[in-house]
Structure formats: C-alpha cells, structure tokens
PDB file of N, CA and C in Angstrom:
ATOM      1  N   SER A   1     141.820 272.181 108.185  1.00  0.00           N
ATOM      2  CA  SER A   1     142.553 271.278 109.049  1.00  0.00           C
ATOM      3  C   SER A   1     142.620 271.841 110.468  1.00  0.00           C
ATOM      4  N   ILE A   2     142.566 270.966 111.430  1.00  0.00           N
ATOM      5  CA  ILE A   2     142.637 271.391 112.832  1.00  0.00           C
ATOM      6  C   ILE A   2     143.897 270.882 113.521  1.00  0.00           C
ATOM      7  N   THR A   3     144.814 270.327 112.763  1.00  0.00           N
ATOM      8  CA  THR A   3     146.031 269.762 113.347  1.00  0.00           C
ATOM      9  C   THR A   3     146.797 270.791 114.167  1.00  0.00           C
ATOM     10  N   HIS A   4     146.811 272.025 113.709  1.00  0.00           N
ATOM     11  CA  HIS A   4     147.552 273.074 114.414  1.00  0.00           C
ATOM     12  C   HIS A   4     146.960 273.395 115.789  1.00  0.00           C
ATOM     13  N   LEU A   5     145.768 272.901 116.080  1.00  0.00           N
ATOM     14  CA  LEU A   5     145.100 273.182 117.355  1.00  0.00           C
ATOM     15  C   LEU A   5     145.377 272.132 118.426  1.00  0.00           C
ATOM     16  N   ARG A   6     146.111 271.100 118.100  1.00  0.00           N
ATOM     17  CA  ARG A   6     146.233 269.954 118.999  1.00  0.00           C
ATOM     18  C   ARG A   6     146.817 270.295 120.363  1.00  0.00           C
ATOM     19  N   ARG A   7     147.610 271.320 120.475  1.00  0.00           N
ATOM     20  CA  ARG A   7     148.194 271.680 121.771  1.00  0.00           C
ATOM     21  C   ARG A   7     147.549 272.941 122.365  1.00  0.00           C
ATOM     22  N   THR A   8     146.497 273.417 121.742  1.00  0.00           N
ATOM     23  CA  THR A   8     145.819 274.621 122.216  1.00  0.00           C
ATOM     24  C   THR A   8     144.825 274.257 123.314  1.00  0.00           C
ATOM     25  N   PRO A   9     144.873 274.953 124.451  1.00  0.00           N
ATOM     26  CA  PRO A   9     143.878 274.689 125.506  1.00  0.00           C
ATOM     27  C   PRO A   9     142.463 274.984 124.996  1.00  0.00           C
ATOM     28  N   ALA A  10     141.512 274.199 125.423  1.00  0.00           N
ATOM     29  CA  ALA A  10     140.127 274.345 124.962  1.00  0.00           C
ATOM     30  C   ALA A  10     139.601 275.761 125.180  1.00  0.00           C
ATOM     31  N   LEU A  11     139.957 276.386 126.289  1.00  0.00           N
ATOM     32  CA  LEU A  11     139.477 277.741 126.572  1.00  0.00           C
ATOM     33  C   LEU A  11     140.002 278.771 125.575  1.00  0.00           C
ATOM     34  N   ALA A  12     141.088 278.461 124.888  1.00  0.00           N
ATOM     35  CA  ALA A  12     141.678 279.400 123.931  1.00  0.00           C
ATOM     36  C   ALA A  12     141.105 279.244 122.524  1.00  0.00           C
ATOM     37  N   LEU A  13     140.282 278.238 122.291  1.00  0.00           N
ATOM     38  CA  LEU A  13     139.716 278.005 120.961  1.00  0.00           C
ATOM     39  C   LEU A  13     138.580 278.980 120.685  1.00  0.00           C
ATOM     40  N   SER A  14     138.468 279.410 119.435  1.00  0.00           N
ATOM     41  CA  SER A  14     137.312 280.210 119.026  1.00  0.00           C
ATOM     42  C   SER A  14     136.098 279.292 118.929  1.00  0.00           C
ATOM     43  N   GLY A  15     134.924 279.884 118.761  1.00  0.00           N
ATOM     44  CA  GLY A  15     133.709 279.075 118.639  1.00  0.00           C
ATOM     45  C   GLY A  15     133.765 278.117 117.467  1.00  0.00           C
ATOM     46  N   GLY A  16     134.241 278.603 116.316  1.00  0.00           N
ATOM     47  CA  GLY A  16     134.338 277.746 115.138  1.00  0.00           C
ATOM     48  C   GLY A  16     135.367 276.643 115.299  1.00  0.00           C
ATOM     49  N   GLU A  17     136.506 276.983 115.911  1.00  0.00           N
ATOM     50  CA  GLU A  17     137.531 275.960 116.158  1.00  0.00           C
ATOM     51  C   GLU A  17     137.005 274.900 117.115  1.00  0.00           C
ATOM     52  N   ARG A  18     136.327 275.361 118.152  1.00  0.00           N
ATOM     53  CA  ARG A  18     135.765 274.424 119.132  1.00  0.00           C
ATOM     54  C   ARG A  18     134.775 273.476 118.460  1.00  0.00           C
ATOM     55  N   ARG A  19     133.934 274.024 117.575  1.00  0.00           N
ATOM     56  CA  ARG A  19     132.940 273.196 116.893  1.00  0.00           C
ATOM     57  C   ARG A  19     133.618 272.165 116.001  1.00  0.00           C
ATOM     58  N   ARG A  20     134.649 272.572 115.263  1.00  0.00           N
ATOM     59  CA  ARG A  20     135.353 271.630 114.390  1.00  0.00           C
ATOM     60  C   ARG A  20     136.047 270.529 115.197  1.00  0.00           C
ATOM     61  N   VAL A  21     136.620 270.885 116.342  1.00  0.00           N
ATOM     62  CA  VAL A  21     137.254 269.880 117.204  1.00  0.00           C
ATOM     63  C   VAL A  21     136.207 268.915 117.753  1.00  0.00           C
ATOM     64  N   GLU A  22     135.044 269.428 118.144  1.00  0.00           N
ATOM     65  CA  GLU A  22     133.959 268.560 118.635  1.00  0.00           C
ATOM     66  C   GLU A  22     133.574 267.534 117.574  1.00  0.00           C
ATOM     67  N   ILE A  23     133.424 267.993 116.345  1.00  0.00           N
ATOM     68  CA  ILE A  23     133.029 267.093 115.260  1.00  0.00           C
ATOM     69  C   ILE A  23     134.136 266.075 114.982  1.00  0.00           C
ATOM     70  N   ALA A  24     135.381 266.517 114.995  1.00  0.00           N
ATOM     71  CA  ALA A  24     136.503 265.589 114.779  1.00  0.00           C
ATOM     72  C   ALA A  24     136.539 264.512 115.860  1.00  0.00           C
ATOM     73  N   ARG A  25     136.288 264.898 117.100  1.00  0.00           N
ATOM     74  CA  ARG A  25     136.268 263.915 118.193  1.00  0.00           C
ATOM     75  C   ARG A  25     135.155 262.894 117.971  1.00  0.00           C
ATOM     76  N   ALA A  26     134.003 263.369 117.516  1.00  0.00           N
ATOM     77  CA  ALA A  26     132.889 262.451 117.257  1.00  0.00           C
ATOM     78  C   ALA A  26     133.235 261.486 116.125  1.00  0.00           C
ATOM     79  N   LEU A  27     133.959 261.964 115.126  1.00  0.00           N
ATOM     80  CA  LEU A  27     134.305 261.127 113.974  1.00  0.00           C
ATOM     81  C   LEU A  27     135.397 260.112 114.284  1.00  0.00           C
ATOM     82  N   ALA A  28     136.133 260.324 115.354  1.00  0.00           N
ATOM     83  CA  ALA A  28     137.230 259.414 115.711  1.00  0.00           C
ATOM     84  C   ALA A  28     136.746 257.995 115.980  1.00  0.00           C
ATOM     85  N   SER A  29     135.494 257.851 116.373  1.00  0.00           N
ATOM     86  CA  SER A  29     134.954 256.515 116.659  1.00  0.00           C
ATOM     87  C   SER A  29     134.325 255.864 115.429  1.00  0.00           C
ATOM     88  N   ASN A  30     134.496 256.494 114.242  1.00  0.00           N
ATOM     89  CA  ASN A  30     133.972 255.957 112.985  1.00  0.00           C
ATOM     90  C   ASN A  30     132.464 255.677 113.067  1.00  0.00           C
ATOM     91  N   PRO A  31     131.666 256.703 113.374  1.00  0.00           N
ATOM     92  CA  PRO A  31     130.230 256.503 113.576  1.00  0.00           C
ATOM     93  C   PRO A  31     129.459 256.355 112.261  1.00  0.00           C
ATOM     94  N   HIS A  32     128.264 255.803 112.370  1.00  0.00           N
ATOM     95  CA  HIS A  32     127.333 255.764 111.239  1.00  0.00           C
ATOM     96  C   HIS A  32     126.466 257.019 111.234  1.00  0.00           C
ATOM     97  N   PHE A  33     126.262 257.594 112.417  1.00  0.00           N
ATOM     98  CA  PHE A  33     125.463 258.809 112.586  1.00  0.00           C
ATOM     99  C   PHE A  33     126.189 259.766 113.520  1.00  0.00           C
ATOM    100  N   VAL A  34     125.984 261.063 113.296  1.00  0.00           N
ATOM    101  CA  VAL A  34     126.536 262.098 114.167  1.00  0.00           C
ATOM    102  C   VAL A  34     125.399 263.045 114.529  1.00  0.00           C
ATOM    103  N   LEU A  35     125.276 263.373 115.801  1.00  0.00           N
ATOM    104  CA  LEU A  35     124.304 264.363 116.266  1.00  0.00           C
ATOM    105  C   LEU A  35     125.038 265.678 116.475  1.00  0.00           C
ATOM    106  N   LEU A  36     124.588 266.724 115.794  1.00  0.00           N
ATOM    107  CA  LEU A  36     125.160 268.058 115.957  1.00  0.00           C
ATOM    108  C   LEU A  36     124.106 268.939 116.619  1.00  0.00           C
ATOM    109  N   ASP A  37     124.355 269.308 117.853  1.00  0.00           N
ATOM    110  CA  ASP A  37     123.417 270.123 118.621  1.00  0.00           C
ATOM    111  C   ASP A  37     123.808 271.591 118.505  1.00  0.00           C
ATOM    112  N   GLU A  38     122.977 272.366 117.817  1.00  0.00           N
ATOM    113  CA  GLU A  38     123.212 273.795 117.597  1.00  0.00           C
ATOM    114  C   GLU A  38     124.612 274.058 117.015  1.00  0.00           C
ATOM    115  N   PRO A  39     124.954 273.422 115.896  1.00  0.00           N
ATOM    116  CA  PRO A  39     126.317 273.577 115.370  1.00  0.00           C
ATOM    117  C   PRO A  39     126.649 274.988 114.886  1.00  0.00           C
ATOM    118  N   PHE A  40     125.641 275.823 114.621  1.00  0.00           N
ATOM    119  CA  PHE A  40     125.897 277.162 114.097  1.00  0.00           C
ATOM    120  C   PHE A  40     125.803 278.250 115.160  1.00  0.00           C
ATOM    121  N   ALA A  41     125.531 277.857 116.403  1.00  0.00           N
ATOM    122  CA  ALA A  41     125.380 278.839 117.481  1.00  0.00           C
ATOM    123  C   ALA A  41     126.738 279.379 117.916  1.00  0.00           C
ATOM    124  N   GLY A  42     126.835 280.690 117.997  1.00  0.00           N
ATOM    125  CA  GLY A  42     128.020 281.327 118.550  1.00  0.00           C
ATOM    126  C   GLY A  42     129.278 281.250 117.714  1.00  0.00           C
ATOM    127  N   ILE A  43     129.126 281.054 116.405  1.00  0.00           N
ATOM    128  CA  ILE A  43     130.321 281.017 115.554  1.00  0.00           C
ATOM    129  C   ILE A  43     130.194 282.057 114.445  1.00  0.00           C
ATOM    130  N   ASP A  44     131.333 282.474 113.921  1.00  0.00           N
ATOM    131  CA  ASP A  44     131.365 283.515 112.899  1.00  0.00           C
ATOM    132  C   ASP A  44     130.913 282.963 111.540  1.00  0.00           C
ATOM    133  N   PRO A  45     130.549 283.849 110.606  1.00  0.00           N
ATOM    134  CA  PRO A  45     130.053 283.401 109.296  1.00  0.00           C
ATOM    135  C   PRO A  45     131.014 282.494 108.530  1.00  0.00           C
ATOM    136  N   ILE A  46     132.314 282.703 108.644  1.00  0.00           N
ATOM    137  CA  ILE A  46     133.269 281.830 107.946  1.00  0.00           C
ATOM    138  C   ILE A  46     133.201 280.424 108.523  1.00  0.00           C
ATOM    139  N   ALA A  47     133.141 280.327 109.849  1.00  0.00           N
ATOM    140  CA  ALA A  47     133.039 279.012 110.493  1.00  0.00           C
ATOM    141  C   ALA A  47     131.716 278.339 110.144  1.00  0.00           C
ATOM    142  N   VAL A  48     130.636 279.126 110.022  1.00  0.00           N
ATOM    143  CA  VAL A  48     129.344 278.562 109.607  1.00  0.00           C
ATOM    144  C   VAL A  48     129.498 277.894 108.249  1.00  0.00           C
ATOM    145  N   GLY A  49     130.153 278.571 107.316  1.00  0.00           N
ATOM    146  CA  GLY A  49     130.389 277.985 105.996  1.00  0.00           C
ATOM    147  C   GLY A  49     131.216 276.717 106.068  1.00  0.00           C
ATOM    148  N   ASP A  50     132.232 276.727 106.922  1.00  0.00           N
ATOM    149  CA  ASP A  50     133.073 275.535 107.089  1.00  0.00           C
ATOM    150  C   ASP A  50     132.265 274.359 107.635  1.00  0.00           C
ATOM    151  N   ILE A  51     131.412 274.615 108.619  1.00  0.00           N
ATOM    152  CA  ILE A  51     130.596 273.548 109.216  1.00  0.00           C
ATOM    153  C   ILE A  51     129.589 273.034 108.190  1.00  0.00           C
ATOM    154  N   ARG A  52     129.004 273.939 107.412  1.00  0.00           N
ATOM    155  CA  ARG A  52     128.069 273.518 106.360  1.00  0.00           C
ATOM    156  C   ARG A  52     128.778 272.611 105.349  1.00  0.00           C
ATOM    157  N   ASP A  53     129.995 272.986 104.946  1.00  0.00           N
ATOM    158  CA  ASP A  53     130.776 272.149 104.025  1.00  0.00           C
ATOM    159  C   ASP A  53     131.091 270.796 104.651  1.00  0.00           C
ATOM    160  N   LEU A  54     131.404 270.796 105.935  1.00  0.00           N
ATOM    161  CA  LEU A  54     131.712 269.554 106.636  1.00  0.00           C
ATOM    162  C   LEU A  54     130.491 268.636 106.690  1.00  0.00           C
ATOM    163  N   VAL A  55     129.311 269.209 106.936  1.00  0.00           N
ATOM    164  CA  VAL A  55     128.078 268.406 106.948  1.00  0.00           C
ATOM    165  C   VAL A  55     127.857 267.778 105.578  1.00  0.00           C
ATOM    166  N   ALA A  56     128.051 268.547 104.516  1.00  0.00           N
ATOM    167  CA  ALA A  56     127.899 268.004 103.156  1.00  0.00           C
ATOM    168  C   ALA A  56     128.900 266.875 102.916  1.00  0.00           C
ATOM    169  N   HIS A  57     130.122 267.043 103.389  1.00  0.00           N
ATOM    170  CA  HIS A  57     131.152 266.005 103.241  1.00  0.00           C
ATOM    171  C   HIS A  57     130.755 264.733 103.996  1.00  0.00           C
ATOM    172  N   LEU A  58     130.228 264.887 105.202  1.00  0.00           N
ATOM    173  CA  LEU A  58     129.793 263.719 105.978  1.00  0.00           C
ATOM    174  C   LEU A  58     128.675 262.981 105.251  1.00  0.00           C
ATOM    175  N   LYS A  59     127.713 263.738 104.707  1.00  0.00           N
ATOM    176  CA  LYS A  59     126.628 263.117 103.942  1.00  0.00           C
ATOM    177  C   LYS A  59     127.178 262.353 102.742  1.00  0.00           C
ATOM    178  N   ASP A  60     128.140 262.959 102.036  1.00  0.00           N
ATOM    179  CA  ASP A  60     128.749 262.303 100.873  1.00  0.00           C
ATOM    180  C   ASP A  60     129.463 261.011 101.258  1.00  0.00           C
ATOM    181  N   ARG A  61     130.000 260.944 102.461  1.00  0.00           N
ATOM    182  CA  ARG A  61     130.677 259.738 102.954  1.00  0.00           C
ATOM    183  C   ARG A  61     129.692 258.707 103.493  1.00  0.00           C
ATOM    184  N   GLY A  62     128.395 259.026 103.475  1.00  0.00           N
ATOM    185  CA  GLY A  62     127.393 258.084 103.949  1.00  0.00           C
ATOM    186  C   GLY A  62     127.176 258.111 105.450  1.00  0.00           C
ATOM    187  N   ILE A  63     127.650 259.148 106.108  1.00  0.00           N
ATOM    188  CA  ILE A  63     127.439 259.293 107.549  1.00  0.00           C
ATOM    189  C   ILE A  63     126.173 260.113 107.760  1.00  0.00           C
ATOM    190  N   GLY A  64     125.229 259.549 108.499  1.00  0.00           N
ATOM    191  CA  GLY A  64     124.002 260.267 108.802  1.00  0.00           C
ATOM    192  C   GLY A  64     124.288 261.424 109.740  1.00  0.00           C
ATOM    193  N   VAL A  65     123.641 262.552 109.494  1.00  0.00           N
ATOM    194  CA  VAL A  65     123.845 263.734 110.326  1.00  0.00           C
ATOM    195  C   VAL A  65     122.488 264.207 110.822  1.00  0.00           C
ATOM    196  N   LEU A  66     122.325 264.237 112.135  1.00  0.00           N
ATOM    197  CA  LEU A  66     121.111 264.752 112.762  1.00  0.00           C
ATOM    198  C   LEU A  66     121.466 266.087 113.393  1.00  0.00           C
ATOM    199  N   ILE A  67     120.790 267.149 112.954  1.00  0.00           N
ATOM    200  CA  ILE A  67     121.084 268.498 113.436  1.00  0.00           C
ATOM    201  C   ILE A  67     119.888 269.022 114.218  1.00  0.00           C
ATOM    202  N   THR A  68     120.144 269.515 115.421  1.00  0.00           N
ATOM    203  CA  THR A  68     119.128 270.272 116.153  1.00  0.00           C
ATOM    204  C   THR A  68     119.606 271.712 116.147  1.00  0.00           C
ATOM    205  N   ASP A  69     118.789 272.606 115.606  1.00  0.00           N
ATOM    206  CA  ASP A  69     119.228 273.991 115.496  1.00  0.00           C
ATOM    207  C   ASP A  69     118.039 274.912 115.310  1.00  0.00           C
ATOM    208  N   HIS A  70     118.153 276.121 115.835  1.00  0.00           N
ATOM    209  CA  HIS A  70     117.135 277.147 115.628  1.00  0.00           C
ATOM    210  C   HIS A  70     117.440 277.983 114.391  1.00  0.00           C
ATOM    211  N   ASN A  71     118.624 277.857 113.855  1.00  0.00           N
ATOM    212  CA  ASN A  71     119.059 278.657 112.726  1.00  0.00           C
ATOM    213  C   ASN A  71     118.600 278.010 111.419  1.00  0.00           C
ATOM    214  N   VAL A  72     117.367 278.298 111.055  1.00  0.00           N
ATOM    215  CA  VAL A  72     116.746 277.668 109.887  1.00  0.00           C
ATOM    216  C   VAL A  72     117.472 278.032 108.601  1.00  0.00           C
ATOM    217  N   ARG A  73     117.910 279.266 108.481  1.00  0.00           N
ATOM    218  CA  ARG A  73     118.594 279.700 107.254  1.00  0.00           C
ATOM    219  C   ARG A  73     119.829 278.856 106.957  1.00  0.00           C
ATOM    220  N   GLU A  74     120.543 278.473 107.987  1.00  0.00           N
ATOM    221  CA  GLU A  74     121.774 277.715 107.787  1.00  0.00           C
ATOM    222  C   GLU A  74     121.535 276.221 107.622  1.00  0.00           C
ATOM    223  N   THR A  75     120.354 275.738 107.980  1.00  0.00           N
ATOM    224  CA  THR A  75     120.140 274.292 107.948  1.00  0.00           C
ATOM    225  C   THR A  75     119.264 273.807 106.799  1.00  0.00           C
ATOM    226  N   LEU A  76     118.228 274.538 106.447  1.00  0.00           N
ATOM    227  CA  LEU A  76     117.262 274.001 105.487  1.00  0.00           C
ATOM    228  C   LEU A  76     117.853 273.687 104.114  1.00  0.00           C
ATOM    229  N   ASP A  77     118.883 274.388 103.701  1.00  0.00           N
ATOM    230  CA  ASP A  77     119.416 274.091 102.366  1.00  0.00           C
ATOM    231  C   ASP A  77     120.526 273.036 102.369  1.00  0.00           C
ATOM    232  N   ILE A  78     120.843 272.454 103.530  1.00  0.00           N
ATOM    233  CA  ILE A  78     121.847 271.376 103.556  1.00  0.00           C
ATOM    234  C   ILE A  78     121.270 270.058 104.063  1.00  0.00           C
ATOM    235  N   ILE A  79     119.978 270.036 104.334  1.00  0.00           N
ATOM    236  CA  ILE A  79     119.369 268.828 104.899  1.00  0.00           C
ATOM    237  C   ILE A  79     118.472 268.138 103.882  1.00  0.00           C
ATOM    238  N   ASP A  80     118.161 266.879 104.158  1.00  0.00           N
ATOM    239  CA  ASP A  80     117.230 266.121 103.325  1.00  0.00           C
ATOM    240  C   ASP A  80     115.814 266.191 103.880  1.00  0.00           C
ATOM    241  N   ARG A  81     115.693 266.169 105.216  1.00  0.00           N
ATOM    242  CA  ARG A  81     114.391 266.202 105.885  1.00  0.00           C
ATOM    243  C   ARG A  81     114.487 267.095 107.101  1.00  0.00           C
ATOM    244  N   ALA A  82     113.346 267.687 107.465  1.00  0.00           N
ATOM    245  CA  ALA A  82     113.285 268.531 108.661  1.00  0.00           C
ATOM    246  C   ALA A  82     112.079 268.137 109.494  1.00  0.00           C
ATOM    247  N   TYR A  83     112.227 268.327 110.778  1.00  0.00           N
ATOM    248  CA  TYR A  83     111.150 268.095 111.735  1.00  0.00           C
ATOM    249  C   TYR A  83     111.022 269.366 112.555  1.00  0.00           C
ATOM    250  N   ILE A  84     109.877 270.018 112.480  1.00  0.00           N
ATOM    251  CA  ILE A  84     109.652 271.264 113.204  1.00  0.00           C
ATOM    252  C   ILE A  84     108.853 270.947 114.459  1.00  0.00           C
ATOM    253  N   ILE A  85     109.437 271.271 115.605  1.00  0.00           N
ATOM    254  CA  ILE A  85     108.790 271.009 116.889  1.00  0.00           C
ATOM    255  C   ILE A  85     108.326 272.334 117.471  1.00  0.00           C
ATOM    256  N   HIS A  86     107.072 272.375 117.907  1.00  0.00           N
ATOM    257  CA  HIS A  86     106.481 273.581 118.491  1.00  0.00           C
ATOM    258  C   HIS A  86     105.686 273.180 119.723  1.00  0.00           C
ATOM    259  N   ASN A  87     105.969 273.816 120.835  1.00  0.00           N
ATOM    260  CA  ASN A  87     105.297 273.500 122.106  1.00  0.00           C
ATOM    261  C   ASN A  87     105.401 272.020 122.458  1.00  0.00           C
ATOM    262  N   GLY A  88     106.554 271.423 122.191  1.00  0.00           N
ATOM    263  CA  GLY A  88     106.796 270.038 122.560  1.00  0.00           C
ATOM    264  C   GLY A  88     106.156 269.002 121.649  1.00  0.00           C
ATOM    265  N   MET A  89     105.528 269.437 120.580  1.00  0.00           N
ATOM    266  CA  MET A  89     104.865 268.525 119.643  1.00  0.00           C
ATOM    267  C   MET A  89     105.443 268.743 118.240  1.00  0.00           C
ATOM    268  N   MET A  90     105.441 267.672 117.437  1.00  0.00           N
ATOM    269  CA  MET A  90     105.911 267.816 116.065  1.00  0.00           C
ATOM    270  C   MET A  90     104.832 268.526 115.257  1.00  0.00           C
ATOM    271  N   LEU A  91     105.158 269.707 114.783  1.00  0.00           N
ATOM    272  CA  LEU A  91     104.234 270.507 113.993  1.00  0.00           C
ATOM    273  C   LEU A  91     104.220 270.050 112.537  1.00  0.00           C
ATOM    274  N   MET A  92     105.404 269.693 112.016  1.00  0.00           N
ATOM    275  CA  MET A  92     105.505 269.339 110.597  1.00  0.00           C
ATOM    276  C   MET A  92     106.788 268.562 110.381  1.00  0.00           C
ATOM    277  N   GLU A  93     106.766 267.653 109.430  1.00  0.00           N
ATOM    278  CA  GLU A  93     107.982 266.976 108.984  1.00  0.00           C
ATOM    279  C   GLU A  93     107.904 266.836 107.485  1.00  0.00           C
ATOM    280  N   GLY A  94     109.064 266.932 106.856  1.00  0.00           N
ATOM    281  CA  GLY A  94     109.096 266.795 105.411  1.00  0.00           C
ATOM    282  C   GLY A  94     110.384 267.334 104.828  1.00  0.00           C
ATOM    283  N   VAL A  95     110.415 267.393 103.508  1.00  0.00           N
ATOM    284  CA  VAL A  95     111.574 267.965 102.825  1.00  0.00           C
ATOM    285  C   VAL A  95     111.519 269.482 102.995  1.00  0.00           C
ATOM    286  N   PRO A  96     112.651 270.159 102.847  1.00  0.00           N
ATOM    287  CA  PRO A  96     112.672 271.600 103.093  1.00  0.00           C
ATOM    288  C   PRO A  96     111.601 272.396 102.349  1.00  0.00           C
ATOM    289  N   SER A  97     111.337 272.079 101.088  1.00  0.00           N
ATOM    290  CA  SER A  97     110.326 272.837 100.340  1.00  0.00           C
ATOM    291  C   SER A  97     108.939 272.670 100.951  1.00  0.00           C
ATOM    292  N   GLU A  98     108.636 271.491 101.478  1.00  0.00           N
ATOM    293  CA  GLU A  98     107.351 271.277 102.151  1.00  0.00           C
ATOM    294  C   GLU A  98     107.285 272.065 103.454  1.00  0.00           C
ATOM    295  N   ILE A  99     108.389 272.087 104.187  1.00  0.00           N
ATOM    296  CA  ILE A  99     108.442 272.826 105.447  1.00  0.00           C
ATOM    297  C   ILE A  99     108.196 274.305 105.195  1.00  0.00           C
ATOM    298  N   VAL A 100     108.917 274.871 104.230  1.00  0.00           N
ATOM    299  CA  VAL A 100     108.802 276.299 103.934  1.00  0.00           C
ATOM    300  C   VAL A 100     107.418 276.647 103.402  1.00  0.00           C
ATOM    301  N   GLY A 101     106.791 275.732 102.683  1.00  0.00           N
ATOM    302  CA  GLY A 101     105.476 275.982 102.118  1.00  0.00           C
ATOM    303  C   GLY A 101     104.311 275.778 103.068  1.00  0.00           C
ATOM    304  N   ASN A 102     104.553 275.245 104.251  1.00  0.00           N
ATOM    305  CA  ASN A 102     103.477 274.959 105.197  1.00  0.00           C
ATOM    306  C   ASN A 102     103.041 276.228 105.924  1.00  0.00           C
ATOM    307  N   LYS A 103     101.744 276.543 105.864  1.00  0.00           N
ATOM    308  CA  LYS A 103     101.247 277.792 106.460  1.00  0.00           C
ATOM    309  C   LYS A 103     101.397 277.823 107.971  1.00  0.00           C
ATOM    310  N   ASP A 104     101.235 276.686 108.634  1.00  0.00           N
ATOM    311  CA  ASP A 104     101.389 276.662 110.092  1.00  0.00           C
ATOM    312  C   ASP A 104     102.841 276.902 110.505  1.00  0.00           C
ATOM    313  N   VAL A 105     103.775 276.305 109.780  1.00  0.00           N
ATOM    314  CA  VAL A 105     105.199 276.513 110.072  1.00  0.00           C
ATOM    315  C   VAL A 105     105.563 277.975 109.846  1.00  0.00           C
ATOM    316  N   ARG A 106     105.048 278.559 108.771  1.00  0.00           N
ATOM    317  CA  ARG A 106     105.328 279.971 108.490  1.00  0.00           C
ATOM    318  C   ARG A 106     104.731 280.863 109.578  1.00  0.00           C
ATOM    319  N   ARG A 107     103.555 280.516 110.051  1.00  0.00           N
ATOM    320  CA  ARG A 107     102.873 281.331 111.060  1.00  0.00           C
ATOM    321  C   ARG A 107     103.613 281.319 112.393  1.00  0.00           C
ATOM    322  N   VAL A 108     104.041 280.134 112.860  1.00  0.00           N
ATOM    323  CA  VAL A 108     104.616 280.043 114.210  1.00  0.00           C
ATOM    324  C   VAL A 108     106.142 280.078 114.241  1.00  0.00           C
ATOM    325  N   TYR A 109     106.808 279.870 113.096  1.00  0.00           N
ATOM    326  CA  TYR A 109     108.255 279.716 113.163  1.00  0.00           C
ATOM    327  C   TYR A 109     109.028 280.543 112.137  1.00  0.00           C
ATOM    328  N   LEU A 110     108.667 280.442 110.875  1.00  0.00           N
ATOM    329  CA  LEU A 110     109.464 281.062 109.819  1.00  0.00           C
ATOM    330  C   LEU A 110     109.106 282.509 109.532  1.00  0.00           C
ATOM    331  N   GLY A 111     107.819 282.840 109.610  1.00  0.00           N
ATOM    332  CA  GLY A 111     107.362 284.166 109.214  1.00  0.00           C
ATOM    333  C   GLY A 111     107.047 284.196 107.726  1.00  0.00           C
ATOM    334  N   ASP A 112     106.300 285.203 107.322  1.00  0.00           N
ATOM    335  CA  ASP A 112     105.845 285.303 105.931  1.00  0.00           C
ATOM    336  C   ASP A 112     106.956 285.640 104.941  1.00  0.00           C
ATOM    337  N   ARG A 113     108.014 286.287 105.378  1.00  0.00           N
ATOM    338  CA  ARG A 113     109.072 286.738 104.468  1.00  0.00           C
ATOM    339  C   ARG A 113     110.155 285.704 104.218  1.00  0.00           C
ATOM    340  N   PHE A 114     110.102 284.570 104.894  1.00  0.00           N
ATOM    341  CA  PHE A 114     111.170 283.579 104.768  1.00  0.00           C
ATOM    342  C   PHE A 114     111.173 282.947 103.387  1.00  0.00           C
ATOM    343  N   ASN A 115     112.360 282.829 102.789  1.00  0.00           N
ATOM    344  CA  ASN A 115     112.561 282.143 101.508  1.00  0.00           C
ATOM    345  C   ASN A 115     113.787 281.256 101.613  1.00  0.00           C
ATOM    346  N   LEU A 116     113.783 280.154 100.861  1.00  0.00           N
ATOM    347  CA  LEU A 116     114.974 279.293 100.797  1.00  0.00           C
ATOM    348  C   LEU A 116     116.031 279.920  99.914  1.00  0.00           C
TER     349      LEU A 116
END
C-alpha cells in the first residue's frame, strides 16, 4: 500500500516508492494498457519484487502492460512476448523461450551464459 506516502514530497520518496506512485497515478484513469519505461531501474531488490508482483496483478486484471527495459532477467519471466531492438531495428520478437534460444539475440544482447 502507498497510502502512507500521500503527504510525502516526491523528492523524499525512494526509487521503489516513486515507481509504485507512478504506476498508481497511471491506474487512476482506469486504462486498458499501461506503459512502464524502465520500471526496474534504480530500485532495490525488494521493490523489484513488488513491481514484478504488481505487473502480474495488472495482467490478471486484464490490463495490458508494455515494458521497455534493459533488465532482461527481471522482465523475461513475467512477460508473454518480447521484442528485442538492436541498432534501431527489431532483431527478434517472440515468446521468452524463443528469445533466449535465438543465437543472434544471445550474441548481441544476452550472452552465452544467460538462462531463464
């Protein structure tokens, strides 16, 4: 819950608190889709878990979630589809297992040691 933050100045919020407030503000308009731009950047591991749980909850409620993020470890296991962009072009799109199994994606983005 973020109710306790309602009177806290934005500058005093932690990264995770700020992210949760951003998402709550987006949900106030009862959207069909939410865009989360780098939702895992600059937040602690506990907040990452909270945001991941929140994304799963939004999906369960039928709200589409579009995530742009460089943090593949935190995103691939909570998404339905991924689009990998390299040098301004779409390198690959598909379900996470297809993305991880693609040799070009592994070569330019994931590396050989990456596992889901």
